[in-house]
């Protein structure tokens, strides 16, 4: 794994090294019962290595949780 990704308030997780990103996230919407691709508020990432966070769409391949 290259990154830890979570959805949460950045004022809590920034102190742990997480930072916000604006990429559109492809995920399964359980409420709409379809795959969607859209920016999701409060998306935070933490690099776990030397890989730079990519630009563009990120496919989560799962629902948000």
C-alpha atoms as a PDB file:
ATOM      1  CA  UNK A   1       0.000   0.000   0.000  1.00  0.00           C
ATOM      2  CA  UNK A   2       1.218   3.444  -0.890  1.00  0.00           C
ATOM      3  CA  UNK A   3      -1.333   5.533   1.031  1.00  0.00           C
ATOM      4  CA  UNK A   4      -3.760   5.498   3.880  1.00  0.00           C
ATOM      5  CA  UNK A   5      -7.028   7.149   2.807  1.00  0.00           C
ATOM      6  CA  UNK A   6      -9.787   8.201   5.151  1.00  0.00           C
ATOM      7  CA  UNK A   7     -12.806  10.420   5.234  1.00  0.00           C
ATOM      8  CA  UNK A   8     -12.878  12.624   8.271  1.00  0.00           C
ATOM      9  CA  UNK A   9     -12.368  16.070   9.726  1.00  0.00           C
ATOM     10  CA  UNK A  10      -8.958  17.400   8.773  1.00  0.00           C
ATOM     11  CA  UNK A  11      -8.560  19.314  12.038  1.00  0.00           C
ATOM     12  CA  UNK A  12      -8.332  15.930  13.796  1.00  0.00           C
ATOM     13  CA  UNK A  13      -6.096  14.048  11.358  1.00  0.00           C
ATOM     14  CA  UNK A  14      -3.723  16.752  10.037  1.00  0.00           C
ATOM     15  CA  UNK A  15      -1.662  16.427  13.195  1.00  0.00           C
ATOM     16  CA  UNK A  16      -1.026  12.791  12.223  1.00  0.00           C
ATOM     17  CA  UNK A  17       0.295  13.762   8.783  1.00  0.00           C
ATOM     18  CA  UNK A  18      -2.881  13.415   6.717  1.00  0.00           C
ATOM     19  CA  UNK A  19      -3.668  16.115   4.180  1.00  0.00           C
ATOM     20  CA  UNK A  20      -6.816  16.880   2.146  1.00  0.00           C
ATOM     21  CA  UNK A  21      -7.146  16.003  -1.550  1.00  0.00           C
ATOM     22  CA  UNK A  22      -9.741  17.024  -4.130  1.00  0.00           C
ATOM     23  CA  UNK A  23      -9.545  14.120  -6.618  1.00  0.00           C
ATOM     24  CA  UNK A  24     -12.802  12.705  -7.935  1.00  0.00           C
ATOM     25  CA  UNK A  25     -13.319   9.319  -6.278  1.00  0.00           C
ATOM     26  CA  UNK A  26     -14.976   6.479  -8.164  1.00  0.00           C
ATOM     27  CA  UNK A  27     -16.981   4.482  -5.651  1.00  0.00           C
ATOM     28  CA  UNK A  28     -20.189   2.533  -5.327  1.00  0.00           C
ATOM     29  CA  UNK A  29     -23.025   4.641  -3.949  1.00  0.00           C
ATOM     30  CA  UNK A  30     -25.173   2.396  -1.768  1.00  0.00           C
ATOM     31  CA  UNK A  31     -27.920   5.032  -1.633  1.00  0.00           C
ATOM     32  CA  UNK A  32     -28.079   5.422  -5.431  1.00  0.00           C
ATOM     33  CA  UNK A  33     -27.161   1.782  -6.136  1.00  0.00           C
ATOM     34  CA  UNK A  34     -24.690   2.717  -8.853  1.00  0.00           C
ATOM     35  CA  UNK A  35     -21.054   3.553  -9.441  1.00  0.00           C
ATOM     36  CA  UNK A  36     -20.328   7.296  -9.257  1.00  0.00           C
ATOM     37  CA  UNK A  37     -17.253   9.450  -9.748  1.00  0.00           C
ATOM     38  CA  UNK A  38     -17.213  12.701  -7.808  1.00  0.00           C
ATOM     39  CA  UNK A  39     -15.105  14.630  -5.313  1.00  0.00           C
ATOM     40  CA  UNK A  40     -15.934  13.578  -1.754  1.00  0.00           C
ATOM     41  CA  UNK A  41     -15.708  16.109   1.080  1.00  0.00           C
ATOM     42  CA  UNK A  42     -13.141  15.471   3.801  1.00  0.00           C
ATOM     43  CA  UNK A  43     -10.989  13.046   1.803  1.00  0.00           C
ATOM     44  CA  UNK A  44      -7.596  12.820   3.497  1.00  0.00           C
ATOM     45  CA  UNK A  45      -4.464  10.888   2.559  1.00  0.00           C
ATOM     46  CA  UNK A  46      -1.265   9.878   4.327  1.00  0.00           C
ATOM     47  CA  UNK A  47       1.675   8.722   2.202  1.00  0.00           C
ATOM     48  CA  UNK A  48       3.129   5.425   3.450  1.00  0.00           C
ATOM     49  CA  UNK A  49       6.189   5.590   1.211  1.00  0.00           C
ATOM     50  CA  UNK A  50       7.856   7.702  -1.435  1.00  0.00           C
ATOM     51  CA  UNK A  51       5.034   7.589  -4.030  1.00  0.00           C
ATOM     52  CA  UNK A  52       3.428  10.948  -4.844  1.00  0.00           C
ATOM     53  CA  UNK A  53      -0.359  11.173  -4.664  1.00  0.00           C
ATOM     54  CA  UNK A  54      -1.662  10.932  -8.259  1.00  0.00           C
ATOM     55  CA  UNK A  55      -3.689  13.544 -10.091  1.00  0.00           C
ATOM     56  CA  UNK A  56      -7.060  12.733 -11.621  1.00  0.00           C
ATOM     57  CA  UNK A  57      -9.678  10.124 -10.815  1.00  0.00           C
ATOM     58  CA  UNK A  58      -9.060   7.609  -8.030  1.00  0.00           C
ATOM     59  CA  UNK A  59     -10.944   4.300  -8.269  1.00  0.00           C
ATOM     60  CA  UNK A  60     -11.705   3.046  -4.762  1.00  0.00           C
ATOM     61  CA  UNK A  61     -13.338  -0.140  -6.114  1.00  0.00           C
ATOM     62  CA  UNK A  62     -15.717  -0.192  -3.150  1.00  0.00           C
ATOM     63  CA  UNK A  63     -18.429   1.822  -1.405  1.00  0.00           C
ATOM     64  CA  UNK A  64     -17.498   4.624   0.958  1.00  0.00           C
ATOM     65  CA  UNK A  65     -17.562   3.615   4.593  1.00  0.00           C
END
